[in-house]
């Protein structure tokens, strides 16, 4: 199994779990799977008005309209490598301690993915995916 990236079907499952958890409308699985298989890869952006969800073969992330930050749920080493250089500048733009801490947490997630040469998946969604897998079996 490729540990650098989640399989497409797992990304679809993860996106469904995130959307449900955030109170978004159900995701069209077939369309999302088709989008994941396109070359060159393009992210699917799902906007509910309150939440924006990005699904790509290299990451799944969301942002709340009330925040200016992106919450990564899944990130591959390739995408982490692209995003990491921009974070120090973003940290300098933070307006309070909470934002700085959140950005430092994102930086640690990215570094973990790069250093381990494997994808990063938040513990919360890792557990939800394991539960969903157990229900299917």
Protein backbone atom coordinates (compact mmCIF):
# COMPACT_ATOMS: atom_id res chain seq x y z
CA UNK A 1 0.00 0.00 0.00
CA UNK A 2 1.24 3.49 -0.86
CA UNK A 3 1.72 5.27 2.46
CA UNK A 4 2.48 8.61 0.81
CA UNK A 5 -1.15 9.11 -0.25
CA UNK A 6 -4.54 7.75 0.74
CA UNK A 7 -6.32 5.66 -1.91
CA UNK A 8 -9.00 7.59 -3.82
CA UNK A 9 -11.84 5.62 -2.23
CA UNK A 10 -10.49 6.44 1.25
CA UNK A 11 -10.31 10.14 0.31
CA UNK A 12 -13.98 10.01 -0.75
CA UNK A 13 -14.93 8.33 2.54
CA UNK A 14 -12.95 10.91 4.47
CA UNK A 15 -14.57 13.81 2.57
CA UNK A 16 -18.02 12.38 3.33
CA UNK A 17 -17.17 12.12 7.04
CA UNK A 18 -15.82 15.67 7.17
CA UNK A 19 -18.82 17.09 5.31
CA UNK A 20 -21.22 15.26 7.61
CA UNK A 21 -19.28 16.33 10.71
CA UNK A 22 -19.43 19.97 9.58
CA UNK A 23 -23.15 19.81 8.79
CA UNK A 24 -22.73 20.07 5.02
CA UNK A 25 -24.93 18.45 2.38
CA UNK A 26 -24.01 14.88 1.34
CA UNK A 27 -21.25 14.64 -1.25
CA UNK A 28 -21.76 13.10 -4.69
CA UNK A 29 -19.30 10.21 -4.41
CA UNK A 30 -19.12 9.39 -8.13
CA UNK A 31 -18.37 12.99 -9.12
CA UNK A 32 -15.74 13.32 -6.41
CA UNK A 33 -14.06 10.06 -7.41
CA UNK A 34 -14.03 11.19 -11.04
CA UNK A 35 -12.45 14.51 -10.03
CA UNK A 36 -9.77 12.74 -7.96
CA UNK A 37 -8.75 10.69 -11.00
CA UNK A 38 -8.30 13.64 -13.37
CA UNK A 39 -4.92 14.65 -14.71
CA UNK A 40 -3.63 17.12 -13.82
CA UNK A 41 -5.19 16.87 -10.38
CA UNK A 42 -7.54 19.69 -9.46
CA UNK A 43 -9.15 20.17 -6.06
CA UNK A 44 -12.89 19.86 -5.69
CA UNK A 45 -14.20 22.83 -3.72
CA UNK A 46 -17.51 22.42 -1.94
CA UNK A 47 -19.00 25.58 -0.46
CA UNK A 48 -21.96 25.40 1.92
CA UNK A 49 -22.04 29.08 2.74
CA UNK A 50 -20.67 28.53 6.25
CA UNK A 51 -17.91 26.05 5.39
CA UNK A 52 -15.62 25.56 2.44
CA UNK A 53 -14.25 22.04 1.92
CA UNK A 54 -11.34 21.24 -0.41
CA UNK A 55 -10.84 17.66 -1.56
CA UNK A 56 -7.80 16.72 -3.58
CA UNK A 57 -5.75 13.57 -4.02
CA UNK A 58 -3.04 15.24 -1.90
CA UNK A 59 -5.13 16.84 0.85
CA UNK A 60 -8.54 17.29 2.44
CA UNK A 61 -9.04 20.58 4.26
CA UNK A 62 -11.78 22.93 5.31
CA UNK A 63 -12.24 26.47 6.51
CA UNK A 64 -15.07 28.08 8.38
CA UNK A 65 -16.31 31.39 7.01
CA UNK A 66 -15.80 32.85 10.50
CA UNK A 67 -12.07 32.04 10.37
CA UNK A 68 -9.21 32.84 8.04
CA UNK A 69 -7.41 29.53 8.53
CA UNK A 70 -7.42 26.19 6.81
CA UNK A 71 -7.85 23.04 8.87
CA UNK A 72 -6.03 20.14 7.26
CA UNK A 73 -7.65 16.77 7.87
CA UNK A 74 -5.41 14.80 5.50
CA UNK A 75 -2.20 15.94 3.87
CA UNK A 76 0.38 14.16 1.74
CA UNK A 77 4.12 14.86 1.99
CA UNK A 78 4.05 16.41 -1.51
CA UNK A 79 1.42 18.97 -0.56
CA UNK A 80 3.03 19.61 2.82
CA UNK A 81 6.29 20.37 1.02
CA UNK A 82 4.48 22.97 -1.12
CA UNK A 83 2.68 24.65 1.80
CA UNK A 84 5.39 24.73 4.48
CA UNK A 85 7.50 27.60 3.07
CA UNK A 86 4.49 30.00 3.25
CA UNK A 87 3.66 29.39 6.92
CA UNK A 88 6.25 31.63 8.65
CA UNK A 89 4.87 34.63 6.75
CA UNK A 90 1.30 33.63 7.64
CA UNK A 91 2.24 33.31 11.33
CA UNK A 92 3.55 36.88 11.26
CA UNK A 93 0.12 38.03 10.04
CA UNK A 94 -1.73 36.39 12.94
CA UNK A 95 -3.60 38.82 15.15
CA UNK A 96 -3.73 36.90 18.41
CA UNK A 97 -2.09 34.09 20.37
CA UNK A 98 -4.81 31.58 19.41
CA UNK A 99 -4.20 32.13 15.68
CA UNK A 100 -0.43 31.81 16.17
CA UNK A 101 -0.90 28.52 18.03
CA UNK A 102 -3.24 27.19 15.33
CA UNK A 103 -0.73 28.06 12.60
CA UNK A 104 2.09 26.44 14.58
CA UNK A 105 -0.06 23.33 14.86
CA UNK A 106 -0.56 23.32 11.08
CA UNK A 107 3.20 23.73 10.66
CA UNK A 108 3.80 20.68 12.87
CA UNK A 109 1.30 18.66 10.83
CA UNK A 110 3.09 19.60 7.63
CA UNK A 111 6.52 18.81 9.07
CA UNK A 112 5.28 15.42 10.30
CA UNK A 113 4.05 14.50 6.83
CA UNK A 114 7.35 15.56 5.26
CA UNK A 115 9.63 13.95 7.86
CA UNK A 116 7.76 10.65 8.00
CA UNK A 117 7.38 10.57 4.22
CA UNK A 118 3.85 9.39 4.77
CA UNK A 119 0.49 11.12 4.81
CA UNK A 120 -0.84 12.89 7.88
CA UNK A 121 -4.41 12.19 9.00
CA UNK A 122 -5.87 13.86 12.10
CA UNK A 123 -6.60 11.46 14.94
CA UNK A 124 -10.28 12.44 15.03
CA UNK A 125 -10.88 11.51 11.39
CA UNK A 126 -8.61 8.48 11.58
CA UNK A 127 -10.92 7.11 14.30
CA UNK A 128 -14.04 8.03 12.30
CA UNK A 129 -12.67 6.29 9.21
CA UNK A 130 -11.85 3.18 11.26
CA UNK A 131 -15.39 3.21 12.67
CA UNK A 132 -16.88 3.63 9.18
CA UNK A 133 -14.75 0.75 7.92
CA UNK A 134 -15.87 -1.47 10.78
CA UNK A 135 -19.53 -0.69 10.04
CA UNK A 136 -19.05 -1.63 6.35
CA UNK A 137 -17.49 -5.00 7.26
